[in-house]
Amino acid sequence: MGDFIAYPSKWRIALLAHLSAGFVVIGLWMIGFFGPIPSSRRYSAIMVFVMGWVCTAFFGFCAVAVVTRLFTSGEDLRIGPTGIKVRSWSDQTIPWSEIADVTTWKDKSIILHLRNPSLFPGRGAGAMMTRFNRMITGGHVDVMLAGSDRSFDEAMDAITQFRC
C-alpha cells in the first residue's frame, strides 16, 4: 500500500462553513442584533448576551478559518513509512522515531505525542492552541480529518500499518 494522503473536501468544507455561519447568526440573535435580547428562565439577559458574543466570536473565527481552506489545495495529511506530515501543523514530516505515542480523543481526533516537541514547532492557529490542546488531550499535535476526503478510521489503519 502506498502513502495515506488526505486532501481537502470542498463540499465538506462548505458544509462546515455554513454550520459556522449558522452559529454566528445564533450568536447575533443572542446579543440582540435582530431585536431584543431573547429572554430565558434559566439565564439572565446579561448571561445570554455574553454567551452570544462568545458564540459569535468563536464561530466567526471558525468560519474564517474554514473558508480559507476552500481556497487551499494540496495535501492535508500524509502518513507513510517515513512518518506523518500534518499541513495544519507544519511543513515538516514528523518521523516515526520522534512519535512516542499515538492516541485518540473522542474518536474524532488523532493525537500525536512527540518525544522532542521543540524539534517540530507548529505554526498558525495550531501553534497558538498548543497549550490548550495539551491540557485537554495530553498530546502535542492534534490531527483532525474534518473537511478532508478521508476518514478517521482510514487514517488510524494507515498509522497501524506504517508505525513500527
N, C-alpha and C. Protein backbone atom coordinates (compact mmCIF):
# COMPACT_ATOMS: atom_id res chain seq x y z
N MET A 1 0.84 -1.19 0.00
CA MET A 1 0.00 0.00 0.00
C MET A 1 0.88 1.24 0.00
N GLY A 2 0.48 2.23 -0.75
CA GLY A 2 1.23 3.48 -0.80
C GLY A 2 0.88 4.36 0.39
N ASP A 3 1.43 5.56 0.39
CA ASP A 3 1.16 6.51 1.46
C ASP A 3 -0.33 6.82 1.55
N PHE A 4 -0.78 7.06 2.76
CA PHE A 4 -2.14 7.54 3.00
C PHE A 4 -2.10 9.06 2.82
N ILE A 5 -2.95 9.57 1.96
CA ILE A 5 -2.99 11.01 1.71
C ILE A 5 -4.44 11.49 1.83
N ALA A 6 -4.65 12.53 2.61
CA ALA A 6 -5.96 13.15 2.75
C ALA A 6 -5.90 14.54 2.13
N TYR A 7 -6.83 14.82 1.24
CA TYR A 7 -6.94 16.12 0.59
C TYR A 7 -8.17 16.85 1.12
N PRO A 8 -8.21 18.18 0.98
CA PRO A 8 -9.41 18.92 1.39
C PRO A 8 -10.61 18.49 0.55
N SER A 9 -11.75 18.34 1.19
CA SER A 9 -13.00 18.03 0.51
C SER A 9 -13.81 19.32 0.44
N LYS A 10 -13.99 19.85 -0.75
CA LYS A 10 -14.65 21.16 -0.90
C LYS A 10 -16.08 21.15 -0.37
N TRP A 11 -16.83 20.07 -0.60
CA TRP A 11 -18.21 20.06 -0.13
C TRP A 11 -18.28 19.95 1.40
N ARG A 12 -17.37 19.21 2.02
CA ARG A 12 -17.35 19.12 3.48
C ARG A 12 -16.93 20.45 4.10
N ILE A 13 -15.97 21.10 3.46
CA ILE A 13 -15.53 22.40 3.96
C ILE A 13 -16.67 23.42 3.84
N ALA A 14 -17.39 23.38 2.71
CA ALA A 14 -18.53 24.28 2.52
C ALA A 14 -19.61 24.02 3.58
N LEU A 15 -19.84 22.76 3.90
CA LEU A 15 -20.81 22.42 4.94
C LEU A 15 -20.36 22.97 6.30
N LEU A 16 -19.09 22.80 6.63
CA LEU A 16 -18.57 23.35 7.89
C LEU A 16 -18.68 24.87 7.92
N ALA A 17 -18.45 25.52 6.78
CA ALA A 17 -18.57 26.99 6.71
C ALA A 17 -20.02 27.41 6.96
N HIS A 18 -20.97 26.70 6.38
CA HIS A 18 -22.38 27.03 6.59
C HIS A 18 -22.80 26.80 8.05
N LEU A 19 -22.33 25.72 8.63
CA LEU A 19 -22.64 25.47 10.04
C LEU A 19 -22.06 26.57 10.94
N SER A 20 -20.83 26.98 10.67
CA SER A 20 -20.22 28.06 11.44
C SER A 20 -21.01 29.35 11.28
N ALA A 21 -21.39 29.65 10.06
CA ALA A 21 -22.17 30.87 9.80
C ALA A 21 -23.51 30.81 10.53
N GLY A 22 -24.12 29.64 10.57
CA GLY A 22 -25.38 29.48 11.30
C GLY A 22 -25.21 29.79 12.78
N PHE A 23 -24.11 29.33 13.38
CA PHE A 23 -23.87 29.62 14.78
C PHE A 23 -23.54 31.10 15.00
N VAL A 24 -22.93 31.74 14.03
CA VAL A 24 -22.70 33.19 14.13
C VAL A 24 -24.05 33.91 14.16
N VAL A 25 -24.98 33.49 13.32
CA VAL A 25 -26.31 34.11 13.31
C VAL A 25 -27.02 33.89 14.65
N ILE A 26 -26.89 32.67 15.20
CA ILE A 26 -27.49 32.41 16.52
C ILE A 26 -26.86 33.33 17.58
N GLY A 27 -25.54 33.49 17.52
CA GLY A 27 -24.87 34.39 18.45
C GLY A 27 -25.35 35.82 18.30
N LEU A 28 -25.51 36.27 17.06
CA LEU A 28 -26.01 37.63 16.82
C LEU A 28 -27.42 37.79 17.36
N TRP A 29 -28.24 36.78 17.20
CA TRP A 29 -29.60 36.80 17.76
C TRP A 29 -29.54 36.94 19.28
N MET A 30 -28.61 36.21 19.90
CA MET A 30 -28.49 36.24 21.36
C MET A 30 -28.01 37.59 21.90
N ILE A 31 -27.26 38.35 21.08
CA ILE A 31 -26.80 39.66 21.56
C ILE A 31 -27.79 40.78 21.21
N GLY A 32 -28.90 40.41 20.57
CA GLY A 32 -29.92 41.38 20.27
C GLY A 32 -29.75 42.08 18.94
N PHE A 33 -28.98 41.54 18.06
CA PHE A 33 -28.73 42.15 16.76
C PHE A 33 -30.01 42.24 15.91
N PHE A 34 -30.91 41.27 16.08
CA PHE A 34 -32.14 41.21 15.27
C PHE A 34 -33.37 41.68 16.04
N GLY A 35 -33.17 42.28 17.18
CA GLY A 35 -34.28 42.72 18.03
C GLY A 35 -33.86 42.62 19.48
N PRO A 36 -34.84 42.54 20.37
CA PRO A 36 -34.48 42.47 21.79
C PRO A 36 -33.73 41.17 22.11
N ILE A 37 -32.92 41.25 23.16
CA ILE A 37 -32.18 40.06 23.61
C ILE A 37 -33.21 39.03 24.07
N PRO A 38 -33.07 37.79 23.59
CA PRO A 38 -34.06 36.77 23.98
C PRO A 38 -34.06 36.54 25.49
N SER A 39 -35.23 36.28 26.02
CA SER A 39 -35.33 36.04 27.46
C SER A 39 -35.30 34.54 27.73
N SER A 40 -34.87 34.22 28.93
CA SER A 40 -34.77 32.83 29.33
C SER A 40 -35.05 32.74 30.82
N ARG A 41 -35.76 31.70 31.24
CA ARG A 41 -36.00 31.50 32.67
C ARG A 41 -34.73 30.99 33.35
N ARG A 42 -33.89 30.38 32.58
CA ARG A 42 -32.69 29.75 33.13
C ARG A 42 -31.51 30.71 33.26
N TYR A 43 -31.35 31.64 32.29
CA TYR A 43 -30.20 32.53 32.27
C TYR A 43 -30.66 33.98 32.25
N SER A 44 -29.87 34.83 32.88
CA SER A 44 -30.17 36.26 32.87
C SER A 44 -29.89 36.83 31.48
N ALA A 45 -30.42 38.01 31.22
CA ALA A 45 -30.20 38.66 29.92
C ALA A 45 -28.71 38.93 29.70
N ILE A 46 -27.99 39.26 30.77
CA ILE A 46 -26.56 39.53 30.65
C ILE A 46 -25.82 38.25 30.25
N MET A 47 -26.21 37.13 30.87
CA MET A 47 -25.57 35.86 30.54
C MET A 47 -25.84 35.47 29.09
N VAL A 48 -27.06 35.66 28.63
CA VAL A 48 -27.40 35.37 27.23
C VAL A 48 -26.58 36.27 26.31
N PHE A 49 -26.45 37.54 26.66
CA PHE A 49 -25.68 38.50 25.88
C PHE A 49 -24.21 38.07 25.79
N VAL A 50 -23.62 37.70 26.93
CA VAL A 50 -22.21 37.27 26.95
C VAL A 50 -22.03 35.99 26.14
N MET A 51 -22.92 35.02 26.33
CA MET A 51 -22.82 33.77 25.56
C MET A 51 -22.98 34.04 24.07
N GLY A 52 -23.82 35.01 23.72
CA GLY A 52 -23.99 35.39 22.32
C GLY A 52 -22.70 35.92 21.71
N TRP A 53 -22.00 36.79 22.47
CA TRP A 53 -20.72 37.32 21.98
C TRP A 53 -19.66 36.23 21.85
N VAL A 54 -19.62 35.34 22.84
CA VAL A 54 -18.66 34.23 22.77
C VAL A 54 -18.95 33.37 21.55
N CYS A 55 -20.22 33.05 21.34
CA CYS A 55 -20.62 32.25 20.18
C CYS A 55 -20.27 32.95 18.87
N THR A 56 -20.58 34.23 18.79
CA THR A 56 -20.30 34.99 17.58
C THR A 56 -18.79 35.05 17.29
N ALA A 57 -18.01 35.33 18.32
CA ALA A 57 -16.56 35.44 18.13
C ALA A 57 -15.94 34.09 17.76
N PHE A 58 -16.28 33.05 18.52
CA PHE A 58 -15.67 31.74 18.29
C PHE A 58 -16.05 31.20 16.91
N PHE A 59 -17.33 31.18 16.61
CA PHE A 59 -17.74 30.61 15.32
C PHE A 59 -17.43 31.54 14.15
N GLY A 60 -17.29 32.83 14.41
CA GLY A 60 -16.81 33.73 13.36
C GLY A 60 -15.37 33.40 12.99
N PHE A 61 -14.54 33.16 14.01
CA PHE A 61 -13.16 32.73 13.76
C PHE A 61 -13.14 31.40 13.02
N CYS A 62 -14.00 30.46 13.44
CA CYS A 62 -14.07 29.16 12.77
C CYS A 62 -14.48 29.32 11.31
N ALA A 63 -15.46 30.18 11.06
CA ALA A 63 -15.94 30.39 9.68
C ALA A 63 -14.82 30.93 8.80
N VAL A 64 -14.07 31.89 9.31
CA VAL A 64 -12.96 32.45 8.53
C VAL A 64 -11.91 31.37 8.25
N ALA A 65 -11.57 30.59 9.28
CA ALA A 65 -10.57 29.53 9.11
C ALA A 65 -11.04 28.49 8.10
N VAL A 66 -12.31 28.13 8.17
CA VAL A 66 -12.84 27.11 7.26
C VAL A 66 -12.92 27.64 5.83
N VAL A 67 -13.37 28.88 5.68
CA VAL A 67 -13.48 29.45 4.32
C VAL A 67 -12.11 29.56 3.66
N THR A 68 -11.08 29.89 4.43
CA THR A 68 -9.74 29.96 3.82
C THR A 68 -9.30 28.60 3.30
N ARG A 69 -9.79 27.53 3.93
CA ARG A 69 -9.46 26.17 3.44
C ARG A 69 -10.09 25.88 2.09
N LEU A 70 -11.18 26.59 1.76
CA LEU A 70 -11.80 26.39 0.44
C LEU A 70 -10.86 26.77 -0.69
N PHE A 71 -9.93 27.67 -0.40
CA PHE A 71 -9.05 28.17 -1.44
C PHE A 71 -7.64 27.58 -1.36
N THR A 72 -7.48 26.54 -0.57
CA THR A 72 -6.19 25.86 -0.50
C THR A 72 -6.26 24.54 -1.24
N SER A 73 -5.14 24.12 -1.72
CA SER A 73 -5.07 22.82 -2.38
C SER A 73 -3.86 22.10 -1.81
N GLY A 74 -3.68 20.90 -2.23
CA GLY A 74 -2.57 20.12 -1.71
C GLY A 74 -3.03 19.18 -0.61
N GLU A 75 -2.09 18.53 -0.02
CA GLU A 75 -2.38 17.50 0.98
C GLU A 75 -2.65 18.12 2.36
N ASP A 76 -3.67 17.63 3.02
CA ASP A 76 -3.91 17.99 4.42
C ASP A 76 -3.08 17.11 5.34
N LEU A 77 -2.96 15.84 4.97
CA LEU A 77 -2.30 14.86 5.82
C LEU A 77 -1.65 13.79 4.96
N ARG A 78 -0.43 13.41 5.34
CA ARG A 78 0.26 12.31 4.67
C ARG A 78 0.83 11.40 5.75
N ILE A 79 0.49 10.12 5.65
CA ILE A 79 1.00 9.11 6.56
C ILE A 79 1.72 8.07 5.71
N GLY A 80 2.99 7.87 6.00
CA GLY A 80 3.77 6.92 5.21
C GLY A 80 4.87 6.29 6.03
N PRO A 81 5.74 5.55 5.37
CA PRO A 81 6.81 4.86 6.10
C PRO A 81 7.81 5.81 6.79
N THR A 82 7.89 7.04 6.31
CA THR A 82 8.84 7.99 6.92
C THR A 82 8.24 8.73 8.12
N GLY A 83 6.91 8.77 8.23
CA GLY A 83 6.28 9.45 9.34
C GLY A 83 4.97 10.10 8.94
N ILE A 84 4.61 11.14 9.68
CA ILE A 84 3.34 11.84 9.48
C ILE A 84 3.61 13.31 9.20
N LYS A 85 2.95 13.82 8.17
CA LYS A 85 3.02 15.24 7.84
C LYS A 85 1.61 15.81 7.94
N VAL A 86 1.44 16.79 8.84
CA VAL A 86 0.15 17.43 9.07
C VAL A 86 0.27 18.88 8.61
N ARG A 87 -0.35 19.21 7.49
CA ARG A 87 -0.17 20.55 6.91
C ARG A 87 -0.61 21.66 7.85
N SER A 88 -1.66 21.44 8.61
CA SER A 88 -2.13 22.49 9.52
C SER A 88 -1.15 22.73 10.66
N TRP A 89 -0.24 21.81 10.89
CA TRP A 89 0.73 21.95 11.97
C TRP A 89 2.06 22.49 11.46
N SER A 90 2.61 21.86 10.40
CA SER A 90 3.96 22.21 9.95
C SER A 90 4.19 21.67 8.54
N ASP A 91 5.22 22.16 7.89
CA ASP A 91 5.62 21.61 6.59
C ASP A 91 6.55 20.42 6.75
N GLN A 92 6.98 20.15 7.97
CA GLN A 92 7.90 19.05 8.24
C GLN A 92 7.13 17.74 8.40
N THR A 93 7.77 16.65 7.97
CA THR A 93 7.27 15.32 8.28
C THR A 93 7.84 14.92 9.63
N ILE A 94 6.98 14.49 10.51
CA ILE A 94 7.42 14.04 11.83
C ILE A 94 7.76 12.56 11.71
N PRO A 95 9.03 12.20 11.87
CA PRO A 95 9.41 10.79 11.70
C PRO A 95 8.84 9.92 12.82
N TRP A 96 8.61 8.67 12.50
CA TRP A 96 8.06 7.73 13.47
C TRP A 96 8.94 7.65 14.73
N SER A 97 10.24 7.80 14.55
CA SER A 97 11.14 7.71 15.70
C SER A 97 10.91 8.84 16.70
N GLU A 98 10.30 9.94 16.27
CA GLU A 98 10.03 11.08 17.15
C GLU A 98 8.61 11.06 17.71
N ILE A 99 7.81 10.07 17.32
CA ILE A 99 6.44 9.96 17.82
C ILE A 99 6.45 8.91 18.93
N ALA A 100 6.30 9.37 20.17
CA ALA A 100 6.33 8.47 21.32
C ALA A 100 5.05 7.64 21.42
N ASP A 101 3.91 8.25 21.07
CA ASP A 101 2.64 7.56 21.18
C ASP A 101 1.63 8.22 20.26
N VAL A 102 0.63 7.44 19.88
CA VAL A 102 -0.49 7.94 19.09
C VAL A 102 -1.75 7.52 19.84
N THR A 103 -2.56 8.50 20.23
CA THR A 103 -3.80 8.21 20.91
C THR A 103 -4.94 8.89 20.16
N THR A 104 -6.14 8.67 20.63
CA THR A 104 -7.31 9.32 20.03
C THR A 104 -8.02 10.12 21.11
N TRP A 105 -8.78 11.07 20.67
CA TRP A 105 -9.58 11.87 21.58
C TRP A 105 -10.99 11.94 21.02
N LYS A 106 -11.93 11.43 21.79
CA LYS A 106 -13.36 11.42 21.42
C LYS A 106 -13.60 10.75 20.06
N ASP A 107 -12.79 9.81 19.68
CA ASP A 107 -12.94 9.07 18.42
C ASP A 107 -13.06 9.97 17.19
N LYS A 108 -12.52 11.18 17.27
CA LYS A 108 -12.57 12.10 16.13
C LYS A 108 -11.24 12.73 15.83
N SER A 109 -10.34 12.73 16.80
CA SER A 109 -9.03 13.34 16.63
C SER A 109 -7.94 12.33 16.91
N ILE A 110 -6.89 12.43 16.13
CA ILE A 110 -5.69 11.63 16.36
C ILE A 110 -4.71 12.54 17.07
N ILE A 111 -4.17 12.10 18.18
CA ILE A 111 -3.28 12.91 18.98
C ILE A 111 -1.88 12.30 18.91
N LEU A 112 -0.91 13.10 18.46
CA LEU A 112 0.47 12.67 18.41
C LEU A 112 1.22 13.18 19.64
N HIS A 113 1.88 12.27 20.32
CA HIS A 113 2.70 12.60 21.49
C HIS A 113 4.16 12.52 21.02
N LEU A 114 4.84 13.66 21.02
CA LEU A 114 6.19 13.73 20.48
C LEU A 114 7.25 13.56 21.57
N ARG A 115 8.36 12.98 21.18
CA ARG A 115 9.49 12.83 22.11
C ARG A 115 10.15 14.19 22.36
N ASN A 116 10.37 14.95 21.29
CA ASN A 116 11.01 16.27 21.36
C ASN A 116 10.14 17.28 20.61
N PRO A 117 9.08 17.78 21.25
CA PRO A 117 8.17 18.70 20.55
C PRO A 117 8.85 19.96 20.04
N SER A 118 9.94 20.38 20.67
CA SER A 118 10.62 21.61 20.22
C SER A 118 11.24 21.44 18.83
N LEU A 119 11.46 20.20 18.39
CA LEU A 119 12.01 19.96 17.05
C LEU A 119 10.97 20.15 15.95
N PHE A 120 9.69 20.13 16.34
CA PHE A 120 8.61 20.23 15.35
C PHE A 120 7.62 21.30 15.79
N PRO A 121 8.05 22.56 15.76
CA PRO A 121 7.15 23.63 16.20
C PRO A 121 5.98 23.80 15.24
N GLY A 122 4.84 24.11 15.80
CA GLY A 122 3.66 24.34 14.98
C GLY A 122 3.66 25.75 14.41
N ARG A 123 2.67 26.01 13.59
CA ARG A 123 2.51 27.34 13.01
C ARG A 123 1.03 27.70 13.02
N GLY A 124 0.75 28.95 12.92
CA GLY A 124 -0.63 29.42 12.81
C GLY A 124 -1.47 29.12 14.03
N ALA A 125 -2.76 28.87 13.77
CA ALA A 125 -3.71 28.62 14.85
C ALA A 125 -3.33 27.38 15.66
N GLY A 126 -2.79 26.38 14.99
CA GLY A 126 -2.38 25.16 15.69
C GLY A 126 -1.34 25.45 16.76
N ALA A 127 -0.40 26.29 16.43
CA ALA A 127 0.65 26.65 17.39
C ALA A 127 0.09 27.48 18.54
N MET A 128 -0.85 28.37 18.23
CA MET A 128 -1.45 29.20 19.27
C MET A 128 -2.26 28.37 20.26
N MET A 129 -2.80 27.27 19.80
CA MET A 129 -3.66 26.43 20.64
C MET A 129 -2.90 25.28 21.31
N THR A 130 -1.58 25.24 21.16
CA THR A 130 -0.79 24.12 21.66
C THR A 130 -1.01 23.88 23.15
N ARG A 131 -0.88 24.91 23.95
CA ARG A 131 -1.01 24.74 25.41
C ARG A 131 -2.41 24.25 25.78
N PHE A 132 -3.43 24.82 25.15
CA PHE A 132 -4.81 24.42 25.42
C PHE A 132 -5.03 22.96 25.00
N ASN A 133 -4.57 22.61 23.78
CA ASN A 133 -4.73 21.23 23.31
C ASN A 133 -4.01 20.25 24.22
N ARG A 134 -2.85 20.63 24.70
CA ARG A 134 -2.07 19.75 25.59
C ARG A 134 -2.83 19.52 26.90
N MET A 135 -3.47 20.57 27.42
CA MET A 135 -4.26 20.41 28.64
C MET A 135 -5.45 19.48 28.42
N ILE A 136 -6.09 19.60 27.28
CA ILE A 136 -7.30 18.82 27.00
C ILE A 136 -6.97 17.38 26.61
N THR A 137 -6.02 17.20 25.69
CA THR A 137 -5.77 15.87 25.11
C THR A 137 -4.54 15.18 25.66
N GLY A 138 -3.62 15.93 26.24
CA GLY A 138 -2.38 15.35 26.75
C GLY A 138 -1.32 15.16 25.69
N GLY A 139 -1.61 15.53 24.44
CA GLY A 139 -0.66 15.34 23.35
C GLY A 139 -0.14 16.65 22.80
N HIS A 140 0.67 16.54 21.76
CA HIS A 140 1.31 17.72 21.17
C HIS A 140 0.65 18.17 19.86
N VAL A 141 0.33 17.22 18.98
CA VAL A 141 -0.22 17.56 17.68
C VAL A 141 -1.59 16.91 17.54
N ASP A 142 -2.59 17.72 17.24
CA ASP A 142 -3.96 17.25 17.06
C ASP A 142 -4.22 17.12 15.56
N VAL A 143 -4.57 15.92 15.12
CA VAL A 143 -4.84 15.66 13.70
C VAL A 143 -6.34 15.43 13.55
N MET A 144 -7.01 16.36 12.88
CA MET A 144 -8.44 16.20 12.63
C MET A 144 -8.67 16.05 11.13
N LEU A 145 -9.59 15.20 10.78
CA LEU A 145 -9.88 14.96 9.38
C LEU A 145 -11.18 15.60 8.91
N ALA A 146 -11.78 16.44 9.76
CA ALA A 146 -12.99 17.15 9.36
C ALA A 146 -12.63 18.04 8.18
N GLY A 147 -13.41 17.97 7.15
CA GLY A 147 -13.15 18.77 5.96
C GLY A 147 -12.21 18.11 4.98
N SER A 148 -11.82 16.86 5.23
CA SER A 148 -10.95 16.17 4.28
C SER A 148 -11.74 15.07 3.57
N ASP A 149 -11.12 14.50 2.55
CA ASP A 149 -11.79 13.46 1.78
C ASP A 149 -11.55 12.05 2.32
N ARG A 150 -10.91 11.93 3.47
CA ARG A 150 -10.64 10.62 4.07
C ARG A 150 -11.21 10.57 5.47
N SER A 151 -11.34 9.36 6.00
CA SER A 151 -11.98 9.20 7.30
C SER A 151 -10.97 8.96 8.41
N PHE A 152 -11.43 9.14 9.62
CA PHE A 152 -10.64 8.89 10.82
C PHE A 152 -10.17 7.43 10.84
N ASP A 153 -11.08 6.50 10.55
CA ASP A 153 -10.72 5.08 10.58
C ASP A 153 -9.66 4.73 9.54
N GLU A 154 -9.74 5.33 8.36
CA GLU A 154 -8.72 5.09 7.33
C GLU A 154 -7.35 5.59 7.81
N ALA A 155 -7.34 6.74 8.45
CA ALA A 155 -6.08 7.29 8.95
C ALA A 155 -5.50 6.40 10.05
N MET A 156 -6.35 5.93 10.95
CA MET A 156 -5.88 5.05 12.02
C MET A 156 -5.35 3.73 11.46
N ASP A 157 -5.99 3.21 10.41
CA ASP A 157 -5.49 1.99 9.76
C ASP A 157 -4.10 2.23 9.16
N ALA A 158 -3.91 3.40 8.54
CA ALA A 158 -2.60 3.74 7.96
C ALA A 158 -1.54 3.86 9.04
N ILE A 159 -1.90 4.46 10.16
CA ILE A 159 -0.94 4.59 11.27
C ILE A 159 -0.54 3.21 11.77
N THR A 160 -1.52 2.35 11.93
CA THR A 160 -1.25 0.98 12.38
C THR A 160 -0.32 0.27 11.41
N GLN A 161 -0.55 0.48 10.12
CA GLN A 161 0.27 -0.18 9.10
C GLN A 161 1.70 0.33 9.08
N PHE A 162 1.88 1.64 9.12
CA PHE A 162 3.22 2.21 8.94
C PHE A 162 4.03 2.34 10.22
N ARG A 163 3.37 2.42 11.35
CA ARG A 163 4.10 2.59 12.62
C ARG A 163 4.70 1.26 13.05
N CYS A 164 5.97 1.24 13.32
CA CYS A 164 6.64 0.01 13.71
C CYS A 164 6.68 -0.17 15.20
